[in-house]
């Protein structure tokens, strides 16, 4: 073997040794990194407090930051509107037991957390004395689908003008508490600015027809500036609130504001 060949062989052997050494070092560093990450995650899960609903407070704070940004960007803006000819029937994402409303005895209860004695009740006929509005807007779901729908009802802002909240009201709670259910079937909270947006409707009609049971008869919320999770069906109770009310999906970790 020539001197040059011996040098090449020696270089290859040294390279192999160096690669094995580097591989072992990389493996050790990777293992240390994984162990460190798991340790930090364990500490985070033990030490990071939740917000009372099982959601880590740090994540809730991130939602709140996003909410403030969304409010700034969306404030004063309207959702797009469309020709009624493009309206379709939206999906019904709830596949459990849909409450059958007793339409003959249904009424809407309005309360104010600051003055519970002022509770009022309205029939659908009462609501229809308010100016009727028809809007064709897009209903967007957090699952990724959307549908253009024509809604008919009264603007929440017109309802609130006739039945105003007390000064200091910051939120509106909307609940579905149908007969035969021991607790609210569904519930959402809105900041009062979103509730009073000119496109927010208390809707009793869809695509030129009365609401069906699966789509929220006799009254639902149509709020195109929010995702579908805020468009509560079968509304039975509305309460003006000074503190942020319960919200079904916010309790599951979703953003309370849910703005588009």
C-alpha atoms as a PDB file:
ATOM      1  CA  UNK A   1       0.000   0.000   0.000  1.00  0.00           C
ATOM      2  CA  UNK A   2       1.369   3.352  -0.956  1.00  0.00           C
ATOM      3  CA  UNK A   3       1.866   6.164   1.528  1.00  0.00           C
ATOM      4  CA  UNK A   4      -0.945   8.072  -0.207  1.00  0.00           C
ATOM      5  CA  UNK A   5      -3.375   5.122   0.146  1.00  0.00           C
ATOM      6  CA  UNK A   6      -2.491   4.732   3.826  1.00  0.00           C
ATOM      7  CA  UNK A   7      -3.224   8.411   4.362  1.00  0.00           C
ATOM      8  CA  UNK A   8      -6.612   8.091   2.618  1.00  0.00           C
ATOM      9  CA  UNK A   9      -7.514   5.041   4.735  1.00  0.00           C
ATOM     10  CA  UNK A  10      -6.473   6.830   7.909  1.00  0.00           C
ATOM     11  CA  UNK A  11      -8.567   9.860   6.927  1.00  0.00           C
ATOM     12  CA  UNK A  12     -11.608   7.650   6.275  1.00  0.00           C
ATOM     13  CA  UNK A  13     -11.212   5.928   9.631  1.00  0.00           C
ATOM     14  CA  UNK A  14     -10.895   9.243  11.420  1.00  0.00           C
ATOM     15  CA  UNK A  15     -13.952  10.559   9.567  1.00  0.00           C
ATOM     16  CA  UNK A  16     -15.951   7.512  10.615  1.00  0.00           C
ATOM     17  CA  UNK A  17     -14.901   7.938  14.222  1.00  0.00           C
ATOM     18  CA  UNK A  18     -15.802  11.651  14.118  1.00  0.00           C
ATOM     19  CA  UNK A  19     -19.234  10.934  12.574  1.00  0.00           C
ATOM     20  CA  UNK A  20     -19.988   8.322  15.230  1.00  0.00           C
ATOM     21  CA  UNK A  21     -18.900  10.773  17.915  1.00  0.00           C
ATOM     22  CA  UNK A  22     -21.056  13.516  16.444  1.00  0.00           C
ATOM     23  CA  UNK A  23     -24.010  11.141  16.094  1.00  0.00           C
ATOM     24  CA  UNK A  24     -23.732  10.144  19.757  1.00  0.00           C
ATOM     25  CA  UNK A  25     -23.444  13.831  20.728  1.00  0.00           C
ATOM     26  CA  UNK A  26     -26.463  14.745  18.597  1.00  0.00           C
ATOM     27  CA  UNK A  27     -28.454  11.904  20.139  1.00  0.00           C
ATOM     28  CA  UNK A  28     -27.520  13.034  23.636  1.00  0.00           C
ATOM     29  CA  UNK A  29     -28.417  16.660  22.868  1.00  0.00           C
ATOM     30  CA  UNK A  30     -31.723  15.604  21.309  1.00  0.00           C
ATOM     31  CA  UNK A  31     -32.503  13.454  24.328  1.00  0.00           C
ATOM     32  CA  UNK A  32     -31.645  16.302  26.662  1.00  0.00           C
ATOM     33  CA  UNK A  33     -33.871  18.628  24.640  1.00  0.00           C
ATOM     34  CA  UNK A  34     -36.837  16.245  24.765  1.00  0.00           C
ATOM     35  CA  UNK A  35     -36.331  15.656  28.489  1.00  0.00           C
ATOM     36  CA  UNK A  36     -36.119  19.397  29.084  1.00  0.00           C
ATOM     37  CA  UNK A  37     -39.267  20.055  27.077  1.00  0.00           C
ATOM     38  CA  UNK A  38     -41.185  17.358  28.940  1.00  0.00           C
ATOM     39  CA  UNK A  39     -39.929  18.733  32.244  1.00  0.00           C
ATOM     40  CA  UNK A  40     -41.020  22.268  31.356  1.00  0.00           C
ATOM     41  CA  UNK A  41     -44.404  20.989  30.154  1.00  0.00           C
ATOM     42  CA  UNK A  42     -44.853  19.078  33.384  1.00  0.00           C
ATOM     43  CA  UNK A  43     -43.992  22.154  35.453  1.00  0.00           C
ATOM     44  CA  UNK A  44     -46.298  24.305  33.294  1.00  0.00           C
ATOM     45  CA  UNK A  45     -49.210  21.889  33.746  1.00  0.00           C
ATOM     46  CA  UNK A  46     -48.646  21.801  37.497  1.00  0.00           C
ATOM     47  CA  UNK A  47     -47.946  25.472  38.107  1.00  0.00           C
ATOM     48  CA  UNK A  48     -49.865  27.399  35.409  1.00  0.00           C
ATOM     49  CA  UNK A  49     -53.267  28.224  36.916  1.00  0.00           C
ATOM     50  CA  UNK A  50     -56.452  27.826  34.903  1.00  0.00           C
ATOM     51  CA  UNK A  51     -59.246  30.369  34.678  1.00  0.00           C
ATOM     52  CA  UNK A  52     -61.787  28.295  36.553  1.00  0.00           C
ATOM     53  CA  UNK A  53     -62.983  26.422  33.462  1.00  0.00           C
ATOM     54  CA  UNK A  54     -59.991  24.114  33.001  1.00  0.00           C
ATOM     55  CA  UNK A  55     -58.351  26.428  30.448  1.00  0.00           C
ATOM     56  CA  UNK A  56     -54.836  27.587  31.294  1.00  0.00           C
ATOM     57  CA  UNK A  57     -54.893  31.271  32.167  1.00  0.00           C
ATOM     58  CA  UNK A  58     -51.954  31.994  29.882  1.00  0.00           C
ATOM     59  CA  UNK A  59     -53.949  30.674  26.926  1.00  0.00           C
ATOM     60  CA  UNK A  60     -56.992  32.682  27.999  1.00  0.00           C
ATOM     61  CA  UNK A  61     -54.793  35.780  28.128  1.00  0.00           C
ATOM     62  CA  UNK A  62     -53.714  35.050  24.557  1.00  0.00           C
ATOM     63  CA  UNK A  63     -57.394  34.867  23.564  1.00  0.00           C
ATOM     64  CA  UNK A  64     -58.039  38.190  25.263  1.00  0.00           C
ATOM     65  CA  UNK A  65     -55.153  39.810  23.412  1.00  0.00           C
ATOM     66  CA  UNK A  66     -56.525  38.490  20.124  1.00  0.00           C
ATOM     67  CA  UNK A  67     -59.947  39.818  21.142  1.00  0.00           C
ATOM     68  CA  UNK A  68     -58.632  43.347  21.621  1.00  0.00           C
ATOM     69  CA  UNK A  69     -56.903  43.225  18.236  1.00  0.00           C
ATOM     70  CA  UNK A  70     -60.090  41.918  16.580  1.00  0.00           C
ATOM     71  CA  UNK A  71     -62.189  44.648  18.206  1.00  0.00           C
ATOM     72  CA  UNK A  72     -59.812  47.285  16.879  1.00  0.00           C
ATOM     73  CA  UNK A  73     -59.843  45.862  13.354  1.00  0.00           C
ATOM     74  CA  UNK A  74     -63.577  45.080  13.152  1.00  0.00           C
ATOM     75  CA  UNK A  75     -64.995  48.090  14.999  1.00  0.00           C
ATOM     76  CA  UNK A  76     -67.395  50.062  12.798  1.00  0.00           C
ATOM     77  CA  UNK A  77     -67.152  47.637   9.881  1.00  0.00           C
ATOM     78  CA  UNK A  78     -70.012  45.701   8.311  1.00  0.00           C
ATOM     79  CA  UNK A  79     -69.915  42.118   7.119  1.00  0.00           C
ATOM     80  CA  UNK A  80     -70.362  41.666   3.347  1.00  0.00           C
ATOM     81  CA  UNK A  81     -73.916  41.322   2.023  1.00  0.00           C
ATOM     82  CA  UNK A  82     -75.030  39.308  -1.009  1.00  0.00           C
ATOM     83  CA  UNK A  83     -77.933  38.996  -3.483  1.00  0.00           C
ATOM     84  CA  UNK A  84     -80.780  36.944  -2.016  1.00  0.00           C
ATOM     85  CA  UNK A  85     -80.602  34.640  -5.056  1.00  0.00           C
ATOM     86  CA  UNK A  86     -77.355  33.203  -3.658  1.00  0.00           C
ATOM     87  CA  UNK A  87     -78.922  32.125  -0.353  1.00  0.00           C
ATOM     88  CA  UNK A  88     -78.905  28.425   0.548  1.00  0.00           C
ATOM     89  CA  UNK A  89     -79.932  26.360   3.554  1.00  0.00           C
ATOM     90  CA  UNK A  90     -76.962  26.157   5.938  1.00  0.00           C
ATOM     91  CA  UNK A  91     -75.808  22.996   7.633  1.00  0.00           C
ATOM     92  CA  UNK A  92     -77.147  22.093  11.026  1.00  0.00           C
ATOM     93  CA  UNK A  93     -74.040  21.174  13.010  1.00  0.00           C
ATOM     94  CA  UNK A  94     -75.869  20.011  16.115  1.00  0.00           C
ATOM     95  CA  UNK A  95     -76.468  16.263  15.859  1.00  0.00           C
ATOM     96  CA  UNK A  96     -77.812  15.589  19.334  1.00  0.00           C
ATOM     97  CA  UNK A  97     -81.360  16.057  20.602  1.00  0.00           C
ATOM     98  CA  UNK A  98     -82.790  19.243  19.130  1.00  0.00           C
ATOM     99  CA  UNK A  99     -85.407  20.706  21.472  1.00  0.00           C
ATOM    100  CA  UNK A 100     -88.912  20.892  20.031  1.00  0.00           C
ATOM    101  CA  UNK A 101     -90.207  24.341  20.988  1.00  0.00           C
ATOM    102  CA  UNK A 102     -93.768  24.787  22.156  1.00  0.00           C
ATOM    103  CA  UNK A 103     -94.456  27.581  19.682  1.00  0.00           C
ATOM    104  CA  UNK A 104     -97.889  28.327  21.104  1.00  0.00           C
ATOM    105  CA  UNK A 105     -96.456  29.043  24.548  1.00  0.00           C
ATOM    106  CA  UNK A 106     -92.982  30.263  23.645  1.00  0.00           C
ATOM    107  CA  UNK A 107     -91.932  33.649  24.964  1.00  0.00           C
ATOM    108  CA  UNK A 108     -88.715  35.631  25.276  1.00  0.00           C
ATOM    109  CA  UNK A 109     -87.688  36.682  28.778  1.00  0.00           C
ATOM    110  CA  UNK A 110     -85.637  39.859  29.100  1.00  0.00           C
ATOM    111  CA  UNK A 111     -83.801  40.588  32.344  1.00  0.00           C
ATOM    112  CA  UNK A 112     -81.221  43.013  33.661  1.00  0.00           C
ATOM    113  CA  UNK A 113     -78.576  41.793  36.103  1.00  0.00           C
ATOM    114  CA  UNK A 114     -78.546  45.237  37.727  1.00  0.00           C
ATOM    115  CA  UNK A 115     -82.293  45.231  38.340  1.00  0.00           C
ATOM    116  CA  UNK A 116     -83.771  41.709  38.337  1.00  0.00           C
ATOM    117  CA  UNK A 117     -87.221  43.031  39.266  1.00  0.00           C
ATOM    118  CA  UNK A 118     -87.635  44.508  35.786  1.00  0.00           C
ATOM    119  CA  UNK A 119     -88.010  41.148  34.000  1.00  0.00           C
ATOM    120  CA  UNK A 120     -90.210  41.388  30.915  1.00  0.00           C
ATOM    121  CA  UNK A 121     -91.698  38.740  28.637  1.00  0.00           C
ATOM    122  CA  UNK A 122     -92.447  38.998  24.922  1.00  0.00           C
ATOM    123  CA  UNK A 123     -94.215  36.870  22.356  1.00  0.00           C
ATOM    124  CA  UNK A 124     -93.054  36.595  18.776  1.00  0.00           C
ATOM    125  CA  UNK A 125     -95.916  38.917  17.826  1.00  0.00           C
ATOM    126  CA  UNK A 126     -94.505  41.521  20.229  1.00  0.00           C
ATOM    127  CA  UNK A 127     -91.112  41.348  18.545  1.00  0.00           C
ATOM    128  CA  UNK A 128     -92.687  41.678  15.124  1.00  0.00           C
ATOM    129  CA  UNK A 129     -93.960  45.135  16.046  1.00  0.00           C
ATOM    130  CA  UNK A 130     -90.339  46.302  15.721  1.00  0.00           C
ATOM    131  CA  UNK A 131     -89.072  47.326  12.264  1.00  0.00           C
ATOM    132  CA  UNK A 132     -88.544  44.212  10.141  1.00  0.00           C
ATOM    133  CA  UNK A 133     -85.161  43.858   8.447  1.00  0.00           C
ATOM    134  CA  UNK A 134     -83.938  41.315   5.888  1.00  0.00           C
ATOM    135  CA  UNK A 135     -80.206  40.761   5.344  1.00  0.00           C
ATOM    136  CA  UNK A 136     -78.365  38.253   3.178  1.00  0.00           C
ATOM    137  CA  UNK A 137     -75.036  37.532   4.825  1.00  0.00           C
ATOM    138  CA  UNK A 138     -72.524  34.722   5.196  1.00  0.00           C
ATOM    139  CA  UNK A 139     -72.701  32.275   8.090  1.00  0.00           C
ATOM    140  CA  UNK A 140     -69.187  31.001   8.803  1.00  0.00           C
ATOM    141  CA  UNK A 141     -68.365  27.969  10.907  1.00  0.00           C
ATOM    142  CA  UNK A 142     -65.143  27.429  12.857  1.00  0.00           C
ATOM    143  CA  UNK A 143     -64.997  24.015  11.133  1.00  0.00           C
ATOM    144  CA  UNK A 144     -64.232  25.741   7.851  1.00  0.00           C
ATOM    145  CA  UNK A 145     -67.516  25.748   5.924  1.00  0.00           C
ATOM    146  CA  UNK A 146     -69.720  28.741   5.161  1.00  0.00           C
ATOM    147  CA  UNK A 147     -73.151  29.429   3.667  1.00  0.00           C
ATOM    148  CA  UNK A 148     -74.868  32.539   2.371  1.00  0.00           C
ATOM    149  CA  UNK A 149     -78.230  32.876   4.125  1.00  0.00           C
ATOM    150  CA  UNK A 150     -81.069  35.398   4.061  1.00  0.00           C
ATOM    151  CA  UNK A 151     -82.283  36.251   7.561  1.00  0.00           C
ATOM    152  CA  UNK A 152     -85.423  38.155   8.494  1.00  0.00           C
ATOM    153  CA  UNK A 153     -86.049  39.653  11.912  1.00  0.00           C
ATOM    154  CA  UNK A 154     -85.488  42.805  13.929  1.00  0.00           C
ATOM    155  CA  UNK A 155     -82.180  44.468  14.663  1.00  0.00           C
ATOM    156  CA  UNK A 156     -80.990  43.912  18.200  1.00  0.00           C
ATOM    157  CA  UNK A 157     -80.193  47.615  18.365  1.00  0.00           C
ATOM    158  CA  UNK A 158     -83.897  48.418  17.691  1.00  0.00           C
ATOM    159  CA  UNK A 159     -84.903  45.951  20.405  1.00  0.00           C
ATOM    160  CA  UNK A 160     -82.432  47.593  22.807  1.00  0.00           C
ATOM    161  CA  UNK A 161     -83.705  51.079  21.950  1.00  0.00           C
ATOM    162  CA  UNK A 162     -87.217  50.054  22.937  1.00  0.00           C
ATOM    163  CA  UNK A 163     -86.086  47.996  25.950  1.00  0.00           C
ATOM    164  CA  UNK A 164     -82.791  49.645  26.913  1.00  0.00           C
ATOM    165  CA  UNK A 165     -80.192  48.283  29.322  1.00  0.00           C
ATOM    166  CA  UNK A 166     -79.144  50.303  32.341  1.00  0.00           C
ATOM    167  CA  UNK A 167     -75.970  52.428  32.140  1.00  0.00           C
ATOM    168  CA  UNK A 168     -72.907  50.336  32.818  1.00  0.00           C
ATOM    169  CA  UNK A 169     -74.073  47.340  30.798  1.00  0.00           C
ATOM    170  CA  UNK A 170     -71.081  45.758  29.043  1.00  0.00           C
ATOM    171  CA  UNK A 171     -72.390  42.392  27.915  1.00  0.00           C
ATOM    172  CA  UNK A 172     -75.491  40.578  26.725  1.00  0.00           C
ATOM    173  CA  UNK A 173     -76.239  36.989  27.721  1.00  0.00           C
ATOM    174  CA  UNK A 174     -78.432  34.909  25.390  1.00  0.00           C
ATOM    175  CA  UNK A 175     -79.652  31.500  26.478  1.00  0.00           C
ATOM    176  CA  UNK A 176     -81.714  28.626  25.175  1.00  0.00           C
ATOM    177  CA  UNK A 177     -83.647  27.156  28.098  1.00  0.00           C
ATOM    178  CA  UNK A 178     -86.497  25.191  26.487  1.00  0.00           C
ATOM    179  CA  UNK A 179     -89.233  23.460  28.437  1.00  0.00           C
ATOM    180  CA  UNK A 180     -88.262  19.997  29.624  1.00  0.00           C
ATOM    181  CA  UNK A 181     -84.544  20.779  30.012  1.00  0.00           C
ATOM    182  CA  UNK A 182     -83.113  21.040  33.517  1.00  0.00           C
ATOM    183  CA  UNK A 183     -80.475  23.556  32.434  1.00  0.00           C
ATOM    184  CA  UNK A 184     -79.651  25.794  29.525  1.00  0.00           C
ATOM    185  CA  UNK A 185     -79.334  23.825  26.298  1.00  0.00           C
ATOM    186  CA  UNK A 186     -76.993  26.432  24.876  1.00  0.00           C
ATOM    187  CA  UNK A 187     -75.751  29.860  25.915  1.00  0.00           C
ATOM    188  CA  UNK A 188     -73.551  32.602  24.513  1.00  0.00           C
ATOM    189  CA  UNK A 189     -72.217  35.936  25.703  1.00  0.00           C
ATOM    190  CA  UNK A 190     -71.687  39.029  23.566  1.00  0.00           C
ATOM    191  CA  UNK A 191     -69.941  42.296  24.242  1.00  0.00           C
ATOM    192  CA  UNK A 192     -72.622  44.969  24.066  1.00  0.00           C
ATOM    193  CA  UNK A 193     -70.957  46.667  21.072  1.00  0.00           C
ATOM    194  CA  UNK A 194     -71.335  43.497  18.997  1.00  0.00           C
ATOM    195  CA  UNK A 195     -74.930  43.042  20.119  1.00  0.00           C
ATOM    196  CA  UNK A 196     -75.742  46.595  19.016  1.00  0.00           C
ATOM    197  CA  UNK A 197     -74.010  46.243  15.642  1.00  0.00           C
ATOM    198  CA  UNK A 198     -76.512  47.218  12.888  1.00  0.00           C
ATOM    199  CA  UNK A 199     -76.277  43.759  11.279  1.00  0.00           C
ATOM    200  CA  UNK A 200     -77.039  41.791  14.446  1.00  0.00           C
ATOM    201  CA  UNK A 201     -80.548  40.378  14.118  1.00  0.00           C
ATOM    202  CA  UNK A 202     -83.033  38.583  16.321  1.00  0.00           C
ATOM    203  CA  UNK A 203     -84.212  36.455  13.416  1.00  0.00           C
ATOM    204  CA  UNK A 204     -87.493  34.618  12.973  1.00  0.00           C
ATOM    205  CA  UNK A 205     -87.178  33.867   9.263  1.00  0.00           C
ATOM    206  CA  UNK A 206     -84.661  32.197   6.963  1.00  0.00           C
ATOM    207  CA  UNK A 207     -84.611  32.356   3.168  1.00  0.00           C
ATOM    208  CA  UNK A 208     -88.129  33.719   2.974  1.00  0.00           C
ATOM    209  CA  UNK A 209     -89.685  31.123   5.311  1.00  0.00           C
ATOM    210  CA  UNK A 210     -90.250  30.901   9.071  1.00  0.00           C
ATOM    211  CA  UNK A 211     -87.400  29.260  10.947  1.00  0.00           C
ATOM    212  CA  UNK A 212     -87.558  25.492  11.246  1.00  0.00           C
ATOM    213  CA  UNK A 213     -86.853  23.699  14.512  1.00  0.00           C
ATOM    214  CA  UNK A 214     -83.399  22.527  13.426  1.00  0.00           C
ATOM    215  CA  UNK A 215     -82.446  26.078  12.518  1.00  0.00           C
ATOM    216  CA  UNK A 216     -83.625  27.663  15.749  1.00  0.00           C
ATOM    217  CA  UNK A 217     -87.380  28.295  15.636  1.00  0.00           C
ATOM    218  CA  UNK A 218     -88.977  30.478  16.682  1.00  0.00           C
ATOM    219  CA  UNK A 219     -86.112  32.947  17.325  1.00  0.00           C
ATOM    220  CA  UNK A 220     -82.366  32.828  16.852  1.00  0.00           C
ATOM    221  CA  UNK A 221     -79.423  35.182  16.597  1.00  0.00           C
ATOM    222  CA  UNK A 222     -77.945  36.071  13.214  1.00  0.00           C
ATOM    223  CA  UNK A 223     -74.676  37.912  13.748  1.00  0.00           C
ATOM    224  CA  UNK A 224     -72.484  37.885  10.623  1.00  0.00           C
ATOM    225  CA  UNK A 225     -69.553  39.599  12.337  1.00  0.00           C
ATOM    226  CA  UNK A 226     -69.063  36.450  14.458  1.00  0.00           C
ATOM    227  CA  UNK A 227     -68.465  32.771  13.802  1.00  0.00           C
ATOM    228  CA  UNK A 228     -71.446  30.433  13.841  1.00  0.00           C
ATOM    229  CA  UNK A 229     -70.789  29.384  17.436  1.00  0.00           C
ATOM    230  CA  UNK A 230     -72.227  32.762  18.486  1.00  0.00           C
ATOM    231  CA  UNK A 231     -75.374  32.438  16.346  1.00  0.00           C
ATOM    232  CA  UNK A 232     -77.471  30.872  19.095  1.00  0.00           C
ATOM    233  CA  UNK A 233     -80.686  29.047  18.172  1.00  0.00           C
ATOM    234  CA  UNK A 234     -84.004  28.890  20.035  1.00  0.00           C
ATOM    235  CA  UNK A 235     -83.442  31.962  22.206  1.00  0.00           C
ATOM    236  CA  UNK A 236     -85.608  31.981  25.330  1.00  0.00           C
ATOM    237  CA  UNK A 237     -83.713  34.380  27.610  1.00  0.00           C
ATOM    238  CA  UNK A 238     -81.755  37.600  27.175  1.00  0.00           C
ATOM    239  CA  UNK A 239     -80.047  39.337  30.086  1.00  0.00           C
ATOM    240  CA  UNK A 240     -78.120  42.602  30.164  1.00  0.00           C
ATOM    241  CA  UNK A 241     -74.928  42.088  32.182  1.00  0.00           C
ATOM    242  CA  UNK A 242     -72.150  44.148  33.751  1.00  0.00           C
ATOM    243  CA  UNK A 243     -69.763  41.173  33.967  1.00  0.00           C
ATOM    244  CA  UNK A 244     -68.763  38.761  31.225  1.00  0.00           C
ATOM    245  CA  UNK A 245     -71.430  36.039  31.134  1.00  0.00           C
ATOM    246  CA  UNK A 246     -71.077  32.314  30.602  1.00  0.00           C
ATOM    247  CA  UNK A 247     -70.364  31.206  27.046  1.00  0.00           C
ATOM    248  CA  UNK A 248     -70.610  27.576  25.977  1.00  0.00           C
ATOM    249  CA  UNK A 249     -67.636  27.408  23.619  1.00  0.00           C
ATOM    250  CA  UNK A 250     -65.447  29.816  25.563  1.00  0.00           C
ATOM    251  CA  UNK A 251     -65.686  27.269  28.376  1.00  0.00           C
ATOM    252  CA  UNK A 252     -64.304  24.668  25.949  1.00  0.00           C
ATOM    253  CA  UNK A 253     -61.255  26.814  25.190  1.00  0.00           C
ATOM    254  CA  UNK A 254     -62.505  28.856  22.229  1.00  0.00           C
ATOM    255  CA  UNK A 255     -62.182  32.614  21.879  1.00  0.00           C
ATOM    256  CA  UNK A 256     -65.030  34.454  23.650  1.00  0.00           C
ATOM    257  CA  UNK A 257     -65.092  37.215  21.040  1.00  0.00           C
ATOM    258  CA  UNK A 258     -65.118  34.830  18.023  1.00  0.00           C
ATOM    259  CA  UNK A 259     -64.967  37.756  15.595  1.00  0.00           C
ATOM    260  CA  UNK A 260     -64.494  37.506  11.840  1.00  0.00           C
END
